[in-house]
Amino acid sequence: MDLSLTETQQLLKSGVEDFITHESPREAIIELVQTDEGYSRDTWSKAAEIGWLGMVIPEEYGGTGSSLTDTAVVYEALGYGPVPGPFFSSGVLAAHTLLALGDPPQRSEYLPKIASGESVVALAITEPDWAWGVDGIQLKIERRGNSYGLNGTKLFVYDAFTADYLITAVRTGDNPTDIGFLMVDTSLPGVSIRRIEGFLTTECEVTFDNVDIPGDALLGGSSSALSGFEAALRHSTPILCAFKVGGSQAVYDMSVEYSRERVQFGQLIGRFQHVQNHIVQLVNHLDSARWTTYEALWKIDAHRPDQEISVHLAKAVTSEGFVQATNYAHEVHAGVGVMREYGLALFTQLSRSLYHSLGDPKYHRRKLADLVTDYDPALRSDSSNGTGP
């Protein structure tokens, strides 16, 4: 298993970093995230022209059909920015969901628009009684002849305020697996979107008030699409992990640079043992996040049967690692770290916002434990020897 980047991937990484340096310098990002739109449409259009919005989309639908590892290289660089915009929500998660669940006409209609940047698509999964997983989806659809009626609320919906469409998880029956996904046009009467203020500024509350949705909006025409969506999540999650690895790398670089410049008590603070300890802890979280992420990517690209285990591990490690990386960075920086114009707070806010996205570490550790015990029944708590892990 070789997790190092190939020469081509190194060139790709350098190209993305150069683009971000010129198109989205951190000083501009700090101001941009305070605006109502929250990201640069010009940068979005240029990224689409380069092909970054269609990396996971096959060429037949206007994408580039890149490997997940190549895609992760780009998203790690975006996370280093951190470049704002619905890159992951639309270009990865929505694209994978359409590929997994959409029928040929639906794929042909929406995937080229995602790849070109013409349309932004986000996913609306979680609800006010928050839980990540099947039990958390309670929004029911009402059959109305050739259409569906929708009444209810989705909460913590990433990038909904930028979206033209929302792939909305709904309950289609009484069985636990009766879950379907509707493609909802956000311009329909009865759809309202409110941005959540504070650290969750990229997340939204979406309300559906007697929304009438065309019958062909149900992805794949399936009222039981859970297994397909789980496959989409398995391929999307490591890309989100790579984005967080990029953020962790950025706060590490900021901390090291600051420790080499800041003078206190007549010497550079990088010479203080306690500051060095903080940076070492930061490195530990960064390296753990990077290697678990790229192991998961390698296993998916190599079609390894144990890929799901690595995906859950990577998500748990990177979510916790990004938060801890920013914590240690603030310990190094002290007061200057909370100044908005300095930029560290961008990553702090992002690490908290993304902590629960696609499931928090507790959820993924539980899924990981289930998978590991499936591989080795002797580890089950109800095994013959009566012991557990």
Protein backbone atom coordinates (compact mmCIF):
# COMPACT_ATOMS: atom_id res chain seq x y z
CA MET A 1 0.00 0.00 0.00
CA ASP A 2 1.63 3.21 -1.21
CA LEU A 3 -0.24 6.32 -0.03
CA SER A 4 2.19 8.84 -1.50
CA LEU A 5 1.01 11.03 -4.36
CA THR A 6 2.08 10.22 -7.90
CA GLU A 7 4.00 12.75 -9.97
CA THR A 8 0.79 13.62 -11.83
CA GLN A 9 -1.06 14.16 -8.56
CA GLN A 10 1.76 16.36 -7.27
CA LEU A 11 1.45 18.51 -10.39
CA LEU A 12 -2.32 18.64 -9.93
CA LYS A 13 -1.88 19.74 -6.32
CA SER A 14 0.59 22.47 -7.31
CA GLY A 15 -1.77 23.73 -10.00
CA VAL A 16 -4.69 23.97 -7.59
CA GLU A 17 -2.56 25.73 -4.97
CA ASP A 18 -1.37 28.28 -7.53
CA PHE A 19 -4.94 28.91 -8.64
CA ILE A 20 -6.12 29.46 -5.08
CA THR A 21 -3.19 31.77 -4.29
CA HIS A 22 -4.13 34.05 -7.18
CA GLU A 23 -7.92 33.69 -7.23
CA SER A 24 -8.78 33.24 -3.54
CA PRO A 25 -6.11 34.66 -1.24
CA ARG A 26 -7.00 34.29 2.42
CA GLU A 27 -7.43 38.04 2.87
CA ALA A 28 -10.18 37.98 0.23
CA ILE A 29 -11.79 34.88 1.73
CA ILE A 30 -12.05 36.54 5.15
CA GLU A 31 -14.12 39.33 3.62
CA LEU A 32 -16.03 37.08 1.24
CA VAL A 33 -17.51 34.79 3.88
CA GLN A 34 -19.11 37.83 5.54
CA THR A 35 -21.20 38.62 2.45
CA ASP A 36 -24.76 37.41 1.82
CA GLU A 37 -23.68 35.14 -1.02
CA GLY A 38 -20.72 33.80 0.93
CA TYR A 39 -18.54 32.80 -2.02
CA SER A 40 -17.20 34.10 -5.32
CA ARG A 41 -19.28 33.32 -8.40
CA ASP A 42 -16.26 34.20 -10.54
CA THR A 43 -14.06 31.63 -8.76
CA TRP A 44 -16.91 29.12 -9.02
CA SER A 45 -17.17 29.62 -12.78
CA LYS A 46 -13.42 29.29 -13.27
CA ALA A 47 -13.35 26.11 -11.18
CA ALA A 48 -16.10 24.70 -13.38
CA GLU A 49 -14.15 25.56 -16.54
CA ILE A 50 -11.10 23.75 -15.18
CA GLY A 51 -13.26 20.71 -14.41
CA TRP A 52 -13.19 20.63 -10.61
CA LEU A 53 -16.98 20.56 -10.26
CA GLY A 54 -17.28 17.43 -12.36
CA MET A 55 -14.39 15.31 -11.17
CA VAL A 56 -16.58 12.47 -9.86
CA ILE A 57 -18.97 12.73 -12.81
CA PRO A 58 -18.38 10.41 -15.80
CA GLU A 59 -17.41 11.99 -19.11
CA GLU A 60 -20.73 11.00 -20.69
CA TYR A 61 -22.43 13.48 -18.34
CA GLY A 62 -19.94 16.30 -18.83
CA GLY A 63 -17.48 15.43 -16.07
CA THR A 64 -13.90 14.21 -16.08
CA GLY A 65 -14.41 10.81 -14.43
CA SER A 66 -11.40 11.25 -12.16
CA SER A 67 -10.35 8.83 -9.44
CA LEU A 68 -11.36 9.62 -5.88
CA THR A 69 -7.74 10.17 -4.91
CA ASP A 70 -7.27 12.75 -7.68
CA THR A 71 -10.47 14.44 -6.52
CA ALA A 72 -9.24 14.44 -2.93
CA VAL A 73 -6.00 16.16 -3.96
CA VAL A 74 -8.07 19.07 -5.29
CA TYR A 75 -10.35 19.21 -2.26
CA GLU A 76 -7.46 19.11 0.18
CA ALA A 77 -6.12 22.23 -1.53
CA LEU A 78 -9.58 23.84 -1.38
CA GLY A 79 -9.70 23.10 2.34
CA TYR A 80 -6.32 24.76 2.79
CA GLY A 81 -7.81 28.03 1.52
CA PRO A 82 -10.38 27.49 2.86
CA VAL A 83 -12.15 28.34 -0.41
CA PRO A 84 -15.84 28.97 0.32
CA GLY A 85 -18.61 27.65 -1.89
CA PRO A 86 -20.75 24.54 -2.42
CA PHE A 87 -17.91 22.60 -4.03
CA PHE A 88 -18.38 19.48 -1.93
CA SER A 89 -22.15 19.72 -1.52
CA SER A 90 -22.84 20.00 -5.24
CA GLY A 91 -19.76 18.68 -7.03
CA VAL A 92 -19.28 15.58 -4.88
CA LEU A 93 -22.15 14.64 -2.57
CA ALA A 94 -25.02 15.59 -4.88
CA ALA A 95 -23.22 14.17 -7.91
CA HIS A 96 -22.57 10.84 -6.21
CA THR A 97 -26.18 10.70 -5.01
CA LEU A 98 -27.52 11.28 -8.51
CA LEU A 99 -25.15 8.66 -9.92
CA ALA A 100 -26.29 6.14 -7.31
CA LEU A 101 -30.02 6.85 -7.33
CA GLY A 102 -31.00 8.76 -10.46
CA ASP A 103 -32.46 7.11 -13.53
CA PRO A 104 -30.85 7.88 -16.94
CA PRO A 105 -33.11 10.88 -17.71
CA GLN A 106 -32.46 12.39 -14.27
CA ARG A 107 -28.72 11.91 -14.59
CA SER A 108 -28.74 13.45 -18.06
CA GLU A 109 -30.73 16.45 -16.85
CA TYR A 110 -28.84 17.34 -13.67
CA LEU A 111 -25.27 16.00 -13.81
CA PRO A 112 -24.12 18.16 -16.77
CA LYS A 113 -25.50 21.22 -14.96
CA ILE A 114 -23.54 20.33 -11.83
CA ALA A 115 -20.33 19.77 -13.80
CA SER A 116 -20.66 23.08 -15.63
CA GLY A 117 -21.56 25.01 -12.49
CA GLU A 118 -24.86 26.06 -14.04
CA SER A 119 -26.82 24.54 -11.15
CA VAL A 120 -25.99 24.07 -7.49
CA VAL A 121 -27.48 21.01 -5.82
CA ALA A 122 -27.34 20.35 -2.07
CA LEU A 123 -28.69 17.58 0.15
CA ALA A 124 -31.36 18.05 2.83
CA ILE A 125 -31.15 15.09 5.21
CA THR A 126 -31.29 16.01 8.91
CA GLU A 127 -34.30 17.37 10.79
CA PRO A 128 -35.05 19.35 13.99
CA ASP A 129 -34.96 16.17 16.11
CA TRP A 130 -31.37 15.83 14.96
CA ALA A 131 -29.89 12.41 14.33
CA TRP A 132 -27.68 11.18 11.54
CA GLY A 133 -29.07 7.96 10.13
CA VAL A 134 -32.32 6.34 9.14
CA ASP A 135 -34.10 7.10 12.42
CA GLY A 136 -33.53 10.82 11.95
CA ILE A 137 -35.52 10.95 8.69
CA GLN A 138 -39.17 11.52 9.59
CA LEU A 139 -40.36 13.94 6.89
CA LYS A 140 -43.15 12.13 5.02
CA ILE A 141 -44.39 12.67 1.50
CA GLU A 142 -48.05 12.73 0.54
CA ARG A 143 -49.08 11.21 -2.77
CA ARG A 144 -51.30 13.61 -4.76
CA GLY A 145 -52.16 11.91 -8.01
CA ASN A 146 -49.22 12.67 -10.30
CA SER A 147 -47.36 14.75 -7.73
CA TYR A 148 -46.14 14.72 -4.13
CA GLY A 149 -46.99 17.01 -1.25
CA LEU A 150 -44.32 18.01 1.23
CA ASN A 151 -44.77 19.65 4.63
CA GLY A 152 -42.07 19.89 7.27
CA THR A 153 -38.57 21.11 8.08
CA LYS A 154 -35.00 20.11 7.35
CA LEU A 155 -32.26 21.51 9.58
CA PHE A 156 -28.47 21.92 9.30
CA VAL A 157 -28.63 21.77 5.50
CA TYR A 158 -25.22 22.69 4.13
CA ASP A 159 -25.14 25.31 1.36
CA ALA A 160 -28.92 25.37 0.94
CA PHE A 161 -28.86 29.17 0.57
CA THR A 162 -26.84 28.76 -2.64
CA ALA A 163 -28.80 25.80 -4.04
CA ASP A 164 -31.03 25.66 -7.08
CA TYR A 165 -32.17 22.17 -6.10
CA LEU A 166 -32.29 20.20 -2.87
CA ILE A 167 -32.08 16.40 -2.88
CA THR A 168 -34.42 15.86 0.04
CA ALA A 169 -34.58 12.65 2.08
CA VAL A 170 -38.17 11.64 2.83
CA ARG A 171 -39.97 8.75 4.46
CA THR A 172 -42.12 6.92 1.94
CA GLY A 173 -43.61 4.22 4.18
CA ASP A 174 -43.66 2.68 7.63
CA ASN A 175 -40.73 0.29 7.22
CA PRO A 176 -37.34 1.56 8.47
CA THR A 177 -35.84 1.31 4.99
CA ASP A 178 -38.70 3.12 3.24
CA ILE A 179 -36.57 6.15 2.40
CA GLY A 180 -36.70 8.04 -0.89
CA PHE A 181 -35.03 11.14 -2.26
CA LEU A 182 -36.84 13.98 -4.00
CA MET A 183 -35.23 16.53 -6.29
CA VAL A 184 -36.86 19.74 -5.04
CA ASP A 185 -36.57 22.98 -6.99
CA THR A 186 -35.89 25.70 -4.39
CA SER A 187 -37.89 28.21 -6.44
CA LEU A 188 -41.13 26.27 -5.89
CA PRO A 189 -43.84 28.04 -3.87
CA GLY A 190 -43.70 27.03 -0.23
CA VAL A 191 -39.93 26.43 -0.04
CA SER A 192 -38.19 28.83 2.35
CA ILE A 193 -34.52 28.83 3.36
CA ARG A 194 -33.01 30.56 6.40
CA ARG A 195 -29.29 30.72 7.09
CA ILE A 196 -28.24 29.82 10.63
CA GLU A 197 -26.14 32.55 12.20
CA GLY A 198 -22.87 32.12 14.06
CA PHE A 199 -20.51 29.19 13.67
CA LEU A 200 -23.03 27.36 11.47
CA THR A 201 -23.28 30.13 8.90
CA THR A 202 -23.03 27.75 5.91
CA GLU A 203 -25.90 25.67 7.27
CA CYS A 204 -29.58 26.41 6.84
CA GLU A 205 -33.07 25.65 8.00
CA VAL A 206 -35.31 24.64 5.09
CA THR A 207 -39.09 24.74 5.50
CA PHE A 208 -41.56 23.05 3.16
CA ASP A 209 -45.04 24.53 3.44
CA ASN A 210 -47.52 22.56 1.34
CA VAL A 211 -45.01 22.23 -1.50
CA ASP A 212 -46.33 20.48 -4.60
CA ILE A 213 -43.56 18.47 -6.26
CA PRO A 214 -43.77 16.77 -9.70
CA GLY A 215 -44.07 12.98 -9.64
CA ASP A 216 -40.90 12.50 -11.67
CA ALA A 217 -38.83 14.23 -8.95
CA LEU A 218 -38.41 11.00 -6.96
CA LEU A 219 -34.87 9.86 -7.80
CA GLY A 220 -34.95 6.58 -9.67
CA GLY A 221 -38.66 6.36 -8.98
CA SER A 222 -37.67 4.38 -5.90
CA SER A 223 -39.33 4.57 -2.50
CA SER A 224 -36.56 2.44 -0.98
CA ALA A 225 -33.26 4.03 -1.97
CA LEU A 226 -31.32 3.70 1.26
CA SER A 227 -28.67 1.23 0.07
CA GLY A 228 -27.86 3.36 -2.97
CA PHE A 229 -27.51 6.45 -0.81
CA GLU A 230 -25.17 4.63 1.56
CA ALA A 231 -22.94 3.82 -1.42
CA ALA A 232 -22.96 7.51 -2.40
CA LEU A 233 -21.94 8.44 1.15
CA ARG A 234 -19.14 5.90 1.16
CA HIS A 235 -17.61 7.50 -1.93
CA SER A 236 -18.24 11.10 -0.83
CA THR A 237 -17.10 11.00 2.78
CA PRO A 238 -13.33 10.63 2.10
CA ILE A 239 -13.45 13.76 -0.08
CA LEU A 240 -14.90 15.73 2.82
CA CYS A 241 -12.15 14.23 4.99
CA ALA A 242 -9.54 15.47 2.51
CA PHE A 243 -11.02 18.98 2.73
CA LYS A 244 -10.56 18.86 6.51
CA VAL A 245 -7.01 17.56 6.11
CA GLY A 246 -6.31 20.68 4.05
CA GLY A 247 -7.73 22.85 6.81
CA SER A 248 -5.63 21.08 9.43
CA GLN A 249 -2.51 21.55 7.31
CA ALA A 250 -3.27 25.26 7.02
CA VAL A 251 -3.56 25.83 10.78
CA TYR A 252 -0.36 23.84 11.31
CA ASP A 253 1.52 26.04 8.84
CA MET A 254 0.09 29.17 10.44
CA SER A 255 1.12 27.98 13.90
CA VAL A 256 4.68 27.08 12.91
CA GLU A 257 5.15 30.38 11.08
CA TYR A 258 3.80 32.37 14.03
CA SER A 259 6.03 30.50 16.50
CA ARG A 260 9.05 31.50 14.39
CA GLU A 261 8.09 35.19 14.30
CA ARG A 262 6.46 36.04 17.62
CA VAL A 263 8.88 37.27 20.27
CA GLN A 264 7.95 37.10 23.95
CA PHE A 265 10.19 37.54 26.99
CA GLY A 266 13.06 38.33 24.67
CA GLN A 267 12.95 35.20 22.55
CA LEU A 268 10.90 33.45 19.88
CA ILE A 269 7.93 31.61 21.38
CA GLY A 270 8.83 28.55 19.30
CA ARG A 271 11.65 27.94 21.76
CA PHE A 272 9.23 27.45 24.65
CA GLN A 273 8.62 23.81 25.50
CA HIS A 274 4.89 24.30 25.99
CA VAL A 275 4.49 25.88 22.55
CA GLN A 276 6.46 23.02 21.01
CA ASN A 277 4.16 20.55 22.78
CA HIS A 278 1.11 22.21 21.23
CA ILE A 279 2.62 21.99 17.75
CA VAL A 280 3.56 18.33 18.25
CA GLN A 281 -0.01 17.53 19.25
CA LEU A 282 -1.23 19.43 16.20
CA VAL A 283 1.07 17.36 13.96
CA ASN A 284 -0.23 14.14 15.50
CA HIS A 285 -3.83 15.03 14.64
CA LEU A 286 -2.85 16.22 11.16
CA ASP A 287 -0.91 13.08 10.28
CA SER A 288 -3.60 10.78 11.65
CA ALA A 289 -6.22 12.57 9.58
CA ARG A 290 -4.13 12.53 6.41
CA TRP A 291 -3.13 8.87 6.46
CA THR A 292 -6.53 7.49 7.44
CA THR A 293 -8.11 9.59 4.69
CA TYR A 294 -5.75 8.51 1.95
CA GLU A 295 -5.95 4.89 3.06
CA ALA A 296 -9.73 5.04 2.63
CA LEU A 297 -9.33 6.65 -0.80
CA TRP A 298 -6.80 4.03 -1.88
CA LYS A 299 -9.09 1.20 -0.80
CA ILE A 300 -12.06 2.62 -2.70
CA ASP A 301 -10.05 3.23 -5.87
CA ALA A 302 -8.60 -0.30 -5.53
CA HIS A 303 -12.11 -1.78 -4.92
CA ARG A 304 -11.00 -3.32 -1.64
CA PRO A 305 -13.76 -5.20 0.24
CA ASP A 306 -12.82 -3.57 3.56
CA GLN A 307 -13.15 -0.02 2.26
CA GLU A 308 -16.17 0.80 4.42
CA ILE A 309 -14.19 0.21 7.61
CA SER A 310 -11.54 2.70 6.49
CA VAL A 311 -14.15 5.29 5.50
CA HIS A 312 -15.75 5.28 8.96
CA LEU A 313 -12.32 5.42 10.60
CA ALA A 314 -11.22 8.35 8.44
CA LYS A 315 -14.38 10.33 9.14
CA ALA A 316 -14.11 9.85 12.90
CA VAL A 317 -10.41 10.75 12.95
CA THR A 318 -10.60 13.79 10.65
CA SER A 319 -13.64 15.33 12.35
CA GLU A 320 -12.01 15.11 15.76
CA GLY A 321 -8.58 15.94 14.38
CA PHE A 322 -9.66 19.15 12.65
CA VAL A 323 -11.28 20.45 15.83
CA GLN A 324 -8.25 19.56 17.94
CA ALA A 325 -5.85 21.03 15.37
CA THR A 326 -7.59 24.40 15.63
CA ASN A 327 -7.63 24.14 19.43
CA TYR A 328 -3.86 23.67 19.57
CA ALA A 329 -3.37 26.40 16.98
CA HIS A 330 -5.22 28.82 19.25
CA GLU A 331 -2.99 27.77 22.15
CA VAL A 332 0.04 28.74 20.06
CA HIS A 333 -1.42 32.02 18.83
CA ALA A 334 -3.20 33.17 22.00
CA GLY A 335 -5.12 36.44 21.56
CA VAL A 336 -4.30 37.20 17.93
CA GLY A 337 -5.92 33.92 16.88
CA VAL A 338 -9.43 35.18 17.57
CA MET A 339 -9.05 38.30 15.43
CA ARG A 340 -11.23 37.93 12.35
CA GLU A 341 -8.73 39.59 10.04
CA TYR A 342 -5.98 37.13 11.05
CA GLY A 343 -7.77 34.14 9.52
CA LEU A 344 -7.38 31.35 12.07
CA ALA A 345 -10.98 31.76 13.20
CA LEU A 346 -12.09 30.79 9.67
CA PHE A 347 -10.78 27.29 10.27
CA THR A 348 -12.07 27.16 13.84
CA GLN A 349 -15.58 27.92 12.64
CA LEU A 350 -15.29 25.45 9.77
CA SER A 351 -14.01 22.64 12.01
CA ARG A 352 -17.05 22.97 14.27
CA SER A 353 -19.50 23.26 11.40
CA LEU A 354 -18.14 20.17 9.63
CA TYR A 355 -17.79 18.12 12.83
CA HIS A 356 -21.29 16.65 12.48
CA SER A 357 -21.52 16.71 8.69
CA LEU A 358 -22.28 13.20 7.36
CA GLY A 359 -22.23 11.89 10.94
CA ASP A 360 -20.16 12.83 13.98
CA PRO A 361 -17.22 10.76 15.31
CA LYS A 362 -19.43 8.89 17.79
CA TYR A 363 -21.70 7.71 14.96
CA HIS A 364 -18.78 6.56 12.81
CA ARG A 365 -17.02 4.81 15.68
CA ARG A 366 -20.21 2.88 16.34
CA LYS A 367 -20.52 1.90 12.67
CA LEU A 368 -16.84 0.97 12.66
CA ALA A 369 -17.31 -1.28 15.69
CA ASP A 370 -20.25 -3.02 14.02
CA LEU A 371 -18.20 -3.69 10.89
CA VAL A 372 -15.16 -4.92 12.81
CA THR A 373 -17.25 -7.36 14.85
CA ASP A 374 -18.84 -8.60 11.64
CA TYR A 375 -15.34 -9.46 10.44
CA ASP A 376 -14.51 -11.19 13.73
CA PRO A 377 -17.58 -12.62 15.54
CA ALA A 378 -15.42 -13.41 18.58
CA LEU A 379 -15.39 -9.68 19.36
CA ARG A 380 -19.16 -9.51 19.78
CA SER A 381 -20.40 -8.93 23.32
CA ASP A 382 -22.97 -11.71 22.85
CA SER A 383 -20.34 -14.26 21.70
CA SER A 384 -20.01 -17.63 23.39
CA ASN A 385 -17.40 -16.52 25.90
CA GLY A 386 -19.65 -13.69 27.08
CA THR A 387 -16.97 -11.01 26.77
CA GLY A 388 -16.89 -7.88 24.69
CA PRO A 389 -14.28 -5.49 23.40
